[in-house]
Amino acid sequence: MSLSQNDMGRAFEYALAMSLSNLLPAPIVENLRSLKAQACFAIASQTERQNMKTASKEAVMFLIAHDVRLSESSCSISLQSDQEGIPPMPSS
């Protein structure tokens, strides 16, 4: 089964969350978004899942090496909607 671009993105988000969770360690907050991402990851092919795991582990290791805040405090991982990442419009 071929995933849509959106579902592939969700699957990769879950791979990143898993890598963060394993390397920090930090728990993944279970919510509707994380469950959807986990489901997308689960239906990806074995090759796609392995590629996502490899890429996400490398990305997380880079982040940990370059941002000391990640290893200095306890945290949890929460997947958010795209709208959560949009900065507010400046007021004029």
PDB file of N, CA and C in Angstrom:
ATOM      1  N   MET A   1       0.845  -1.180   0.000  1.00  0.00           N
ATOM      2  CA  MET A   1       0.000   0.000   0.000  1.00  0.00           C
ATOM      3  C   MET A   1       0.886   1.236   0.000  1.00  0.00           C
ATOM      4  N   SER A   2       0.610   2.156  -0.890  1.00  0.00           N
ATOM      5  CA  SER A   2       1.382   3.387  -0.993  1.00  0.00           C
ATOM      6  C   SER A   2       0.721   4.486  -0.157  1.00  0.00           C
ATOM      7  N   LEU A   3       1.511   5.148   0.664  1.00  0.00           N
ATOM      8  CA  LEU A   3       0.983   6.215   1.511  1.00  0.00           C
ATOM      9  C   LEU A   3       0.936   7.531   0.751  1.00  0.00           C
ATOM     10  N   SER A   4      -0.040   8.362   1.082  1.00  0.00           N
ATOM     11  CA  SER A   4      -0.088   9.701   0.506  1.00  0.00           C
ATOM     12  C   SER A   4       1.076  10.509   1.086  1.00  0.00           C
ATOM     13  N   GLN A   5       1.348  11.640   0.492  1.00  0.00           N
ATOM     14  CA  GLN A   5       2.426  12.493   0.985  1.00  0.00           C
ATOM     15  C   GLN A   5       2.158  12.916   2.433  1.00  0.00           C
ATOM     16  N   ASN A   6       0.904  13.258   2.743  1.00  0.00           N
ATOM     17  CA  ASN A   6       0.556  13.650   4.112  1.00  0.00           C
ATOM     18  C   ASN A   6       0.764  12.499   5.086  1.00  0.00           C
ATOM     19  N   ASP A   7       0.319  11.314   4.717  1.00  0.00           N
ATOM     20  CA  ASP A   7       0.476  10.168   5.606  1.00  0.00           C
ATOM     21  C   ASP A   7       1.944   9.776   5.766  1.00  0.00           C
ATOM     22  N   MET A   8       2.729   9.924   4.713  1.00  0.00           N
ATOM     23  CA  MET A   8       4.167   9.646   4.819  1.00  0.00           C
ATOM     24  C   MET A   8       4.813  10.649   5.778  1.00  0.00           C
ATOM     25  N   GLY A   9       4.373  11.896   5.705  1.00  0.00           N
ATOM     26  CA  GLY A   9       4.874  12.902   6.638  1.00  0.00           C
ATOM     27  C   GLY A   9       4.510  12.564   8.074  1.00  0.00           C
ATOM     28  N   ARG A  10       3.279  12.110   8.289  1.00  0.00           N
ATOM     29  CA  ARG A  10       2.856  11.699   9.634  1.00  0.00           C
ATOM     30  C   ARG A  10       3.694  10.514  10.118  1.00  0.00           C
ATOM     31  N   ALA A  11       3.947   9.583   9.230  1.00  0.00           N
ATOM     32  CA  ALA A  11       4.754   8.415   9.594  1.00  0.00           C
ATOM     33  C   ALA A  11       6.162   8.846   9.994  1.00  0.00           C
ATOM     34  N   PHE A  12       6.737   9.792   9.256  1.00  0.00           N
ATOM     35  CA  PHE A  12       8.084  10.268   9.591  1.00  0.00           C
ATOM     36  C   PHE A  12       8.070  11.044  10.903  1.00  0.00           C
ATOM     37  N   GLU A  13       7.005  11.801  11.158  1.00  0.00           N
ATOM     38  CA  GLU A  13       6.873  12.474  12.457  1.00  0.00           C
ATOM     39  C   GLU A  13       6.914  11.454  13.587  1.00  0.00           C
ATOM     40  N   TYR A  14       6.245  10.334  13.387  1.00  0.00           N
ATOM     41  CA  TYR A  14       6.241   9.307  14.419  1.00  0.00           C
ATOM     42  C   TYR A  14       7.628   8.686  14.569  1.00  0.00           C
ATOM     43  N   ALA A  15       8.327   8.486  13.467  1.00  0.00           N
ATOM     44  CA  ALA A  15       9.694   7.962  13.542  1.00  0.00           C
ATOM     45  C   ALA A  15      10.589   8.928  14.320  1.00  0.00           C
ATOM     46  N   LEU A  16      10.422  10.227  14.090  1.00  0.00           N
ATOM     47  CA  LEU A  16      11.193  11.215  14.849  1.00  0.00           C
ATOM     48  C   LEU A  16      10.840  11.165  16.328  1.00  0.00           C
ATOM     49  N   ALA A  17       9.565  11.050  16.625  1.00  0.00           N
ATOM     50  CA  ALA A  17       9.128  10.974  18.020  1.00  0.00           C
ATOM     51  C   ALA A  17       9.723   9.739  18.695  1.00  0.00           C
ATOM     52  N   MET A  18       9.720   8.614  17.987  1.00  0.00           N
ATOM     53  CA  MET A  18      10.291   7.388  18.553  1.00  0.00           C
ATOM     54  C   MET A  18      11.785   7.557  18.816  1.00  0.00           C
ATOM     55  N   SER A  19      12.496   8.165  17.882  1.00  0.00           N
ATOM     56  CA  SER A  19      13.935   8.371  18.064  1.00  0.00           C
ATOM     57  C   SER A  19      14.207   9.304  19.238  1.00  0.00           C
ATOM     58  N   LEU A  20      13.438  10.386  19.332  1.00  0.00           N
ATOM     59  CA  LEU A  20      13.588  11.282  20.484  1.00  0.00           C
ATOM     60  C   LEU A  20      13.318  10.536  21.774  1.00  0.00           C
ATOM     61  N   SER A  21      12.260   9.760  21.785  1.00  0.00           N
ATOM     62  CA  SER A  21      11.877   9.012  22.970  1.00  0.00           C
ATOM     63  C   SER A  21      12.967   8.026  23.387  1.00  0.00           C
ATOM     64  N   ASN A  22      13.578   7.374  22.422  1.00  0.00           N
ATOM     65  CA  ASN A  22      14.618   6.388  22.717  1.00  0.00           C
ATOM     66  C   ASN A  22      15.941   7.013  23.119  1.00  0.00           C
ATOM     67  N   LEU A  23      16.298   8.138  22.520  1.00  0.00           N
ATOM     68  CA  LEU A  23      17.617   8.713  22.749  1.00  0.00           C
ATOM     69  C   LEU A  23      17.675   9.714  23.898  1.00  0.00           C
ATOM     70  N   LEU A  24      16.552  10.259  24.333  1.00  0.00           N
ATOM     71  CA  LEU A  24      16.631  11.252  25.408  1.00  0.00           C
ATOM     72  C   LEU A  24      16.644  10.652  26.810  1.00  0.00           C
ATOM     73  N   PRO A  25      15.940   9.784  27.285  1.00  0.00           N
ATOM     74  CA  PRO A  25      14.628   9.276  26.913  1.00  0.00           C
ATOM     75  C   PRO A  25      13.517  10.231  27.345  1.00  0.00           C
ATOM     76  N   ALA A  26      12.445  10.211  26.612  1.00  0.00           N
ATOM     77  CA  ALA A  26      11.283  11.054  26.885  1.00  0.00           C
ATOM     78  C   ALA A  26      10.050  10.313  26.395  1.00  0.00           C
ATOM     79  N   PRO A  27       8.982  10.329  27.164  1.00  0.00           N
ATOM     80  CA  PRO A  27       7.777   9.622  26.719  1.00  0.00           C
ATOM     81  C   PRO A  27       7.045  10.374  25.601  1.00  0.00           C
ATOM     82  N   ILE A  28       6.407   9.623  24.731  1.00  0.00           N
ATOM     83  CA  ILE A  28       5.553  10.210  23.695  1.00  0.00           C
ATOM     84  C   ILE A  28       4.158  10.366  24.301  1.00  0.00           C
ATOM     85  N   VAL A  29       3.633  11.588  24.257  1.00  0.00           N
ATOM     86  CA  VAL A  29       2.289  11.849  24.768  1.00  0.00           C
ATOM     87  C   VAL A  29       1.299  11.195  23.810  1.00  0.00           C
ATOM     88  N   GLU A  30       0.443  10.354  24.355  1.00  0.00           N
ATOM     89  CA  GLU A  30      -0.547   9.682  23.515  1.00  0.00           C
ATOM     90  C   GLU A  30      -1.764  10.587  23.354  1.00  0.00           C
ATOM     91  N   ASN A  31      -2.020  10.972  22.116  1.00  0.00           N
ATOM     92  CA  ASN A  31      -3.192  11.774  21.774  1.00  0.00           C
ATOM     93  C   ASN A  31      -3.622  11.388  20.358  1.00  0.00           C
ATOM     94  N   LEU A  32      -4.650  12.030  19.865  1.00  0.00           N
ATOM     95  CA  LEU A  32      -5.175  11.681  18.544  1.00  0.00           C
ATOM     96  C   LEU A  32      -4.111  11.815  17.455  1.00  0.00           C
ATOM     97  N   ARG A  33      -3.306  12.875  17.511  1.00  0.00           N
ATOM     98  CA  ARG A  33      -2.277  13.090  16.487  1.00  0.00           C
ATOM     99  C   ARG A  33      -1.201  12.008  16.542  1.00  0.00           C
ATOM    100  N   SER A  34      -0.761  11.648  17.749  1.00  0.00           N
ATOM    101  CA  SER A  34       0.289  10.625  17.840  1.00  0.00           C
ATOM    102  C   SER A  34      -0.249   9.259  17.420  1.00  0.00           C
ATOM    103  N   LEU A  35      -1.494   8.983  17.741  1.00  0.00           N
ATOM    104  CA  LEU A  35      -2.084   7.702  17.326  1.00  0.00           C
ATOM    105  C   LEU A  35      -2.230   7.623  15.808  1.00  0.00           C
ATOM    106  N   LYS A  36      -2.617   8.734  15.175  1.00  0.00           N
ATOM    107  CA  LYS A  36      -2.733   8.774  13.710  1.00  0.00           C
ATOM    108  C   LYS A  36      -1.351   8.599  13.072  1.00  0.00           C
ATOM    109  N   ALA A  37      -0.349   9.283  13.627  1.00  0.00           N
ATOM    110  CA  ALA A  37       1.009   9.162  13.095  1.00  0.00           C
ATOM    111  C   ALA A  37       1.529   7.737  13.266  1.00  0.00           C
ATOM    112  N   GLN A  38       1.245   7.138  14.410  1.00  0.00           N
ATOM    113  CA  GLN A  38       1.665   5.762  14.657  1.00  0.00           C
ATOM    114  C   GLN A  38       0.996   4.809  13.666  1.00  0.00           C
ATOM    115  N   ALA A  39      -0.279   5.037  13.384  1.00  0.00           N
ATOM    116  CA  ALA A  39      -0.996   4.200  12.423  1.00  0.00           C
ATOM    117  C   ALA A  39      -0.394   4.342  11.024  1.00  0.00           C
ATOM    118  N   CYS A  40      -0.049   5.555  10.639  1.00  0.00           N
ATOM    119  CA  CYS A  40       0.585   5.776   9.329  1.00  0.00           C
ATOM    120  C   CYS A  40       1.932   5.066   9.263  1.00  0.00           C
ATOM    121  N   PHE A  41       2.705   5.151  10.350  1.00  0.00           N
ATOM    122  CA  PHE A  41       3.996   4.480  10.401  1.00  0.00           C
ATOM    123  C   PHE A  41       3.807   2.969  10.263  1.00  0.00           C
ATOM    124  N   ALA A  42       2.802   2.445  10.921  1.00  0.00           N
ATOM    125  CA  ALA A  42       2.562   0.999  10.926  1.00  0.00           C
ATOM    126  C   ALA A  42       2.193   0.458   9.546  1.00  0.00           C
ATOM    127  N   ILE A  43       1.524   1.271   8.725  1.00  0.00           N
ATOM    128  CA  ILE A  43       1.115   0.760   7.414  1.00  0.00           C
ATOM    129  C   ILE A  43       2.145   1.035   6.320  1.00  0.00           C
ATOM    130  N   ALA A  44       3.210   1.761   6.660  1.00  0.00           N
ATOM    131  CA  ALA A  44       4.296   1.957   5.691  1.00  0.00           C
ATOM    132  C   ALA A  44       4.990   0.611   5.475  1.00  0.00           C
ATOM    133  N   SER A  45       5.618   0.467   4.347  1.00  0.00           N
ATOM    134  CA  SER A  45       6.327  -0.785   4.079  1.00  0.00           C
ATOM    135  C   SER A  45       7.503  -0.937   5.040  1.00  0.00           C
ATOM    136  N   GLN A  46       7.970  -2.151   5.184  1.00  0.00           N
ATOM    137  CA  GLN A  46       9.095  -2.413   6.080  1.00  0.00           C
ATOM    138  C   GLN A  46      10.318  -1.594   5.662  1.00  0.00           C
ATOM    139  N   THR A  47      10.570  -1.487   4.363  1.00  0.00           N
ATOM    140  CA  THR A  47      11.700  -0.707   3.861  1.00  0.00           C
ATOM    141  C   THR A  47      11.530   0.768   4.197  1.00  0.00           C
ATOM    142  N   GLU A  48      10.318   1.298   3.987  1.00  0.00           N
ATOM    143  CA  GLU A  48      10.061   2.703   4.321  1.00  0.00           C
ATOM    144  C   GLU A  48      10.237   2.951   5.815  1.00  0.00           C
ATOM    145  N   ARG A  49       9.731   2.049   6.651  1.00  0.00           N
ATOM    146  CA  ARG A  49       9.875   2.205   8.103  1.00  0.00           C
ATOM    147  C   ARG A  49      11.345   2.198   8.504  1.00  0.00           C
ATOM    148  N   GLN A  50      12.117   1.287   7.926  1.00  0.00           N
ATOM    149  CA  GLN A  50      13.547   1.216   8.259  1.00  0.00           C
ATOM    150  C   GLN A  50      14.261   2.487   7.816  1.00  0.00           C
ATOM    151  N   ASN A  51      13.945   2.996   6.625  1.00  0.00           N
ATOM    152  CA  ASN A  51      14.558   4.237   6.149  1.00  0.00           C
ATOM    153  C   ASN A  51      14.198   5.412   7.056  1.00  0.00           C
ATOM    154  N   MET A  52      12.940   5.464   7.490  1.00  0.00           N
ATOM    155  CA  MET A  52      12.515   6.539   8.390  1.00  0.00           C
ATOM    156  C   MET A  52      13.211   6.441   9.751  1.00  0.00           C
ATOM    157  N   LYS A  53      13.362   5.218  10.251  1.00  0.00           N
ATOM    158  CA  LYS A  53      14.050   5.031  11.536  1.00  0.00           C
ATOM    159  C   LYS A  53      15.505   5.496  11.440  1.00  0.00           C
ATOM    160  N   THR A  54      16.168   5.123  10.361  1.00  0.00           N
ATOM    161  CA  THR A  54      17.570   5.501  10.176  1.00  0.00           C
ATOM    162  C   THR A  54      17.714   7.017  10.060  1.00  0.00           C
ATOM    163  N   ALA A  55      16.892   7.632   9.216  1.00  0.00           N
ATOM    164  CA  ALA A  55      16.966   9.085   9.015  1.00  0.00           C
ATOM    165  C   ALA A  55      16.604   9.847  10.288  1.00  0.00           C
ATOM    166  N   SER A  56      15.584   9.382  10.988  1.00  0.00           N
ATOM    167  CA  SER A  56      15.160  10.098  12.192  1.00  0.00           C
ATOM    168  C   SER A  56      16.197   9.966  13.301  1.00  0.00           C
ATOM    169  N   LYS A  57      16.827   8.819  13.422  1.00  0.00           N
ATOM    170  CA  LYS A  57      17.872   8.647  14.437  1.00  0.00           C
ATOM    171  C   LYS A  57      19.033   9.595  14.160  1.00  0.00           C
ATOM    172  N   GLU A  58      19.444   9.703  12.911  1.00  0.00           N
ATOM    173  CA  GLU A  58      20.530  10.625  12.546  1.00  0.00           C
ATOM    174  C   GLU A  58      20.150  12.072  12.849  1.00  0.00           C
ATOM    175  N   ALA A  59      18.913  12.445  12.521  1.00  0.00           N
ATOM    176  CA  ALA A  59      18.452  13.812  12.778  1.00  0.00           C
ATOM    177  C   ALA A  59      18.431  14.111  14.272  1.00  0.00           C
ATOM    178  N   VAL A  60      17.941  13.180  15.063  1.00  0.00           N
ATOM    179  CA  VAL A  60      17.857  13.386  16.513  1.00  0.00           C
ATOM    180  C   VAL A  60      19.252  13.428  17.127  1.00  0.00           C
ATOM    181  N   MET A  61      20.157  12.582  16.666  1.00  0.00           N
ATOM    182  CA  MET A  61      21.529  12.617  17.195  1.00  0.00           C
ATOM    183  C   MET A  61      22.174  13.965  16.883  1.00  0.00           C
ATOM    184  N   PHE A  62      21.914  14.511  15.699  1.00  0.00           N
ATOM    185  CA  PHE A  62      22.428  15.840  15.339  1.00  0.00           C
ATOM    186  C   PHE A  62      21.855  16.898  16.286  1.00  0.00           C
ATOM    187  N   LEU A  63      20.546  16.851  16.508  1.00  0.00           N
ATOM    188  CA  LEU A  63      19.916  17.838  17.387  1.00  0.00           C
ATOM    189  C   LEU A  63      20.462  17.754  18.808  1.00  0.00           C
ATOM    190  N   ILE A  64      20.607  16.551  19.325  1.00  0.00           N
ATOM    191  CA  ILE A  64      21.117  16.380  20.681  1.00  0.00           C
ATOM    192  C   ILE A  64      22.554  16.895  20.780  1.00  0.00           C
ATOM    193  N   ALA A  65      23.357  16.646  19.759  1.00  0.00           N
ATOM    194  CA  ALA A  65      24.751  17.097  19.754  1.00  0.00           C
ATOM    195  C   ALA A  65      24.869  18.617  19.688  1.00  0.00           C
ATOM    196  N   HIS A  66      23.881  19.284  19.092  1.00  0.00           N
ATOM    197  CA  HIS A  66      23.964  20.726  18.878  1.00  0.00           C
ATOM    198  C   HIS A  66      23.050  21.556  19.767  1.00  0.00           C
ATOM    199  N   ASP A  67      22.231  20.934  20.578  1.00  0.00           N
ATOM    200  CA  ASP A  67      21.343  21.681  21.473  1.00  0.00           C
ATOM    201  C   ASP A  67      21.383  21.033  22.849  1.00  0.00           C
ATOM    202  N   VAL A  68      22.206  21.579  23.704  1.00  0.00           N
ATOM    203  CA  VAL A  68      22.432  21.007  25.025  1.00  0.00           C
ATOM    204  C   VAL A  68      21.147  20.964  25.853  1.00  0.00           C
ATOM    205  N   ARG A  69      20.194  21.828  25.546  1.00  0.00           N
ATOM    206  CA  ARG A  69      18.938  21.845  26.302  1.00  0.00           C
ATOM    207  C   ARG A  69      18.188  20.524  26.222  1.00  0.00           C
ATOM    208  N   LEU A  70      18.374  19.802  25.145  1.00  0.00           N
ATOM    209  CA  LEU A  70      17.656  18.528  24.980  1.00  0.00           C
ATOM    210  C   LEU A  70      18.114  17.472  25.981  1.00  0.00           C
ATOM    211  N   SER A  71      19.362  17.513  26.363  1.00  0.00           N
ATOM    212  CA  SER A  71      19.853  16.490  27.284  1.00  0.00           C
ATOM    213  C   SER A  71      19.949  16.974  28.724  1.00  0.00           C
ATOM    214  N   GLU A  72      19.629  18.238  28.973  1.00  0.00           N
ATOM    215  CA  GLU A  72      19.742  18.787  30.315  1.00  0.00           C
ATOM    216  C   GLU A  72      18.449  18.776  31.109  1.00  0.00           C
ATOM    217  N   SER A  73      17.355  18.516  30.475  1.00  0.00           N
ATOM    218  CA  SER A  73      16.095  18.566  31.209  1.00  0.00           C
ATOM    219  C   SER A  73      15.202  17.410  30.797  1.00  0.00           C
ATOM    220  N   SER A  74      14.266  17.099  31.675  1.00  0.00           N
ATOM    221  CA  SER A  74      13.311  16.059  31.319  1.00  0.00           C
ATOM    222  C   SER A  74      12.196  16.696  30.491  1.00  0.00           C
ATOM    223  N   CYS A  75      11.673  15.939  29.570  1.00  0.00           N
ATOM    224  CA  CYS A  75      10.626  16.469  28.700  1.00  0.00           C
ATOM    225  C   CYS A  75       9.756  15.316  28.210  1.00  0.00           C
ATOM    226  N   SER A  76       8.729  15.674  27.494  1.00  0.00           N
ATOM    227  CA  SER A  76       7.893  14.688  26.828  1.00  0.00           C
ATOM    228  C   SER A  76       7.720  15.136  25.379  1.00  0.00           C
ATOM    229  N   ILE A  77       7.277  14.225  24.548  1.00  0.00           N
ATOM    230  CA  ILE A  77       7.143  14.493  23.117  1.00  0.00           C
ATOM    231  C   ILE A  77       5.671  14.507  22.768  1.00  0.00           C
ATOM    232  N   SER A  78       5.232  15.603  22.165  1.00  0.00           N
ATOM    233  CA  SER A  78       3.835  15.751  21.788  1.00  0.00           C
ATOM    234  C   SER A  78       3.760  16.188  20.333  1.00  0.00           C
ATOM    235  N   LEU A  79       3.046  15.432  19.519  1.00  0.00           N
ATOM    236  CA  LEU A  79       2.853  15.822  18.125  1.00  0.00           C
ATOM    237  C   LEU A  79       1.727  16.840  18.070  1.00  0.00           C
ATOM    238  N   GLN A  80       1.944  17.897  17.300  1.00  0.00           N
ATOM    239  CA  GLN A  80       0.974  18.989  17.227  1.00  0.00           C
ATOM    240  C   GLN A  80       0.500  19.194  15.802  1.00  0.00           C
ATOM    241  N   SER A  81      -0.588  19.918  15.675  1.00  0.00           N
ATOM    242  CA  SER A  81      -1.125  20.223  14.348  1.00  0.00           C
ATOM    243  C   SER A  81      -0.213  21.226  13.647  1.00  0.00           C
ATOM    244  N   ASP A  82      -0.338  21.315  12.339  1.00  0.00           N
ATOM    245  CA  ASP A  82       0.444  22.280  11.570  1.00  0.00           C
ATOM    246  C   ASP A  82       0.149  23.707  12.023  1.00  0.00           C
ATOM    247  N   GLN A  83      -1.098  23.984  12.393  1.00  0.00           N
ATOM    248  CA  GLN A  83      -1.491  25.328  12.814  1.00  0.00           C
ATOM    249  C   GLN A  83      -0.743  25.763  14.070  1.00  0.00           C
ATOM    250  N   GLU A  84      -0.364  24.815  14.923  1.00  0.00           N
ATOM    251  CA  GLU A  84       0.358  25.142  16.150  1.00  0.00           C
ATOM    252  C   GLU A  84       1.725  25.738  15.838  1.00  0.00           C
ATOM    253  N   GLY A  85       2.290  25.411  14.683  1.00  0.00           N
ATOM    254  CA  GLY A  85       3.610  25.896  14.333  1.00  0.00           C
ATOM    255  C   GLY A  85       3.625  27.193  13.553  1.00  0.00           C
ATOM    256  N   ILE A  86       2.457  27.756  13.286  1.00  0.00           N
ATOM    257  CA  ILE A  86       2.380  29.005  12.539  1.00  0.00           C
ATOM    258  C   ILE A  86       2.472  30.171  13.519  1.00  0.00           C
ATOM    259  N   PRO A  87       3.482  31.047  13.344  1.00  0.00           N
ATOM    260  CA  PRO A  87       3.597  32.179  14.263  1.00  0.00           C
ATOM    261  C   PRO A  87       2.436  33.153  14.082  1.00  0.00           C
ATOM    262  N   PRO A  88       2.068  33.832  15.154  1.00  0.00           N
ATOM    263  CA  PRO A  88       0.976  34.801  15.029  1.00  0.00           C
ATOM    264  C   PRO A  88       1.378  35.959  14.120  1.00  0.00           C
ATOM    265  N   MET A  89       0.405  36.494  13.454  1.00  0.00           N
ATOM    266  CA  MET A  89       0.654  37.647  12.583  1.00  0.00           C
ATOM    267  C   MET A  89       0.955  38.869  13.438  1.00  0.00           C
ATOM    268  N   PRO A  90       1.991  39.626  13.077  1.00  0.00           N
ATOM    269  CA  PRO A  90       2.288  40.830  13.859  1.00  0.00           C
ATOM    270  C   PRO A  90       1.162  41.858  13.728  1.00  0.00           C
ATOM    271  N   SER A  91       0.879  42.523  14.824  1.00  0.00           N
ATOM    272  CA  SER A  91      -0.160  43.551  14.747  1.00  0.00           C
ATOM    273  C   SER A  91       0.460  44.848  14.245  1.00  0.00           C
ATOM    274  N   SER A  92      -0.350  45.584  13.518  1.00  0.00           N
ATOM    275  CA  SER A  92       0.177  46.830  12.943  1.00  0.00           C
ATOM    276  C   SER A  92      -0.201  48.003  13.774  1.00  0.00           C
TER     277      SER A  92
END
